[in-house]
């Protein structure tokens, strides 16, 4: 699904960026060109990044688990 039609940025591209470690909308703007102020796409992109970051954190195994 397109998140930003103007810049042709898809949900998959944003999720992939989040999986590579992108967590801030400012970084996503640099990487994919997602604007933050012309419509709703900035809010949607930020929400997607937040979901991916939370998922990555919840899947991380704490070092204490190996003790």
Foldseek 3Di string as FASTA:
>chain_A
DALDPVQRDRLVNLLVVLVVPDQDLVVVCVVRVQDQPDDCSNVVSNVSSVVSNVVVVVPDDDPVVVD
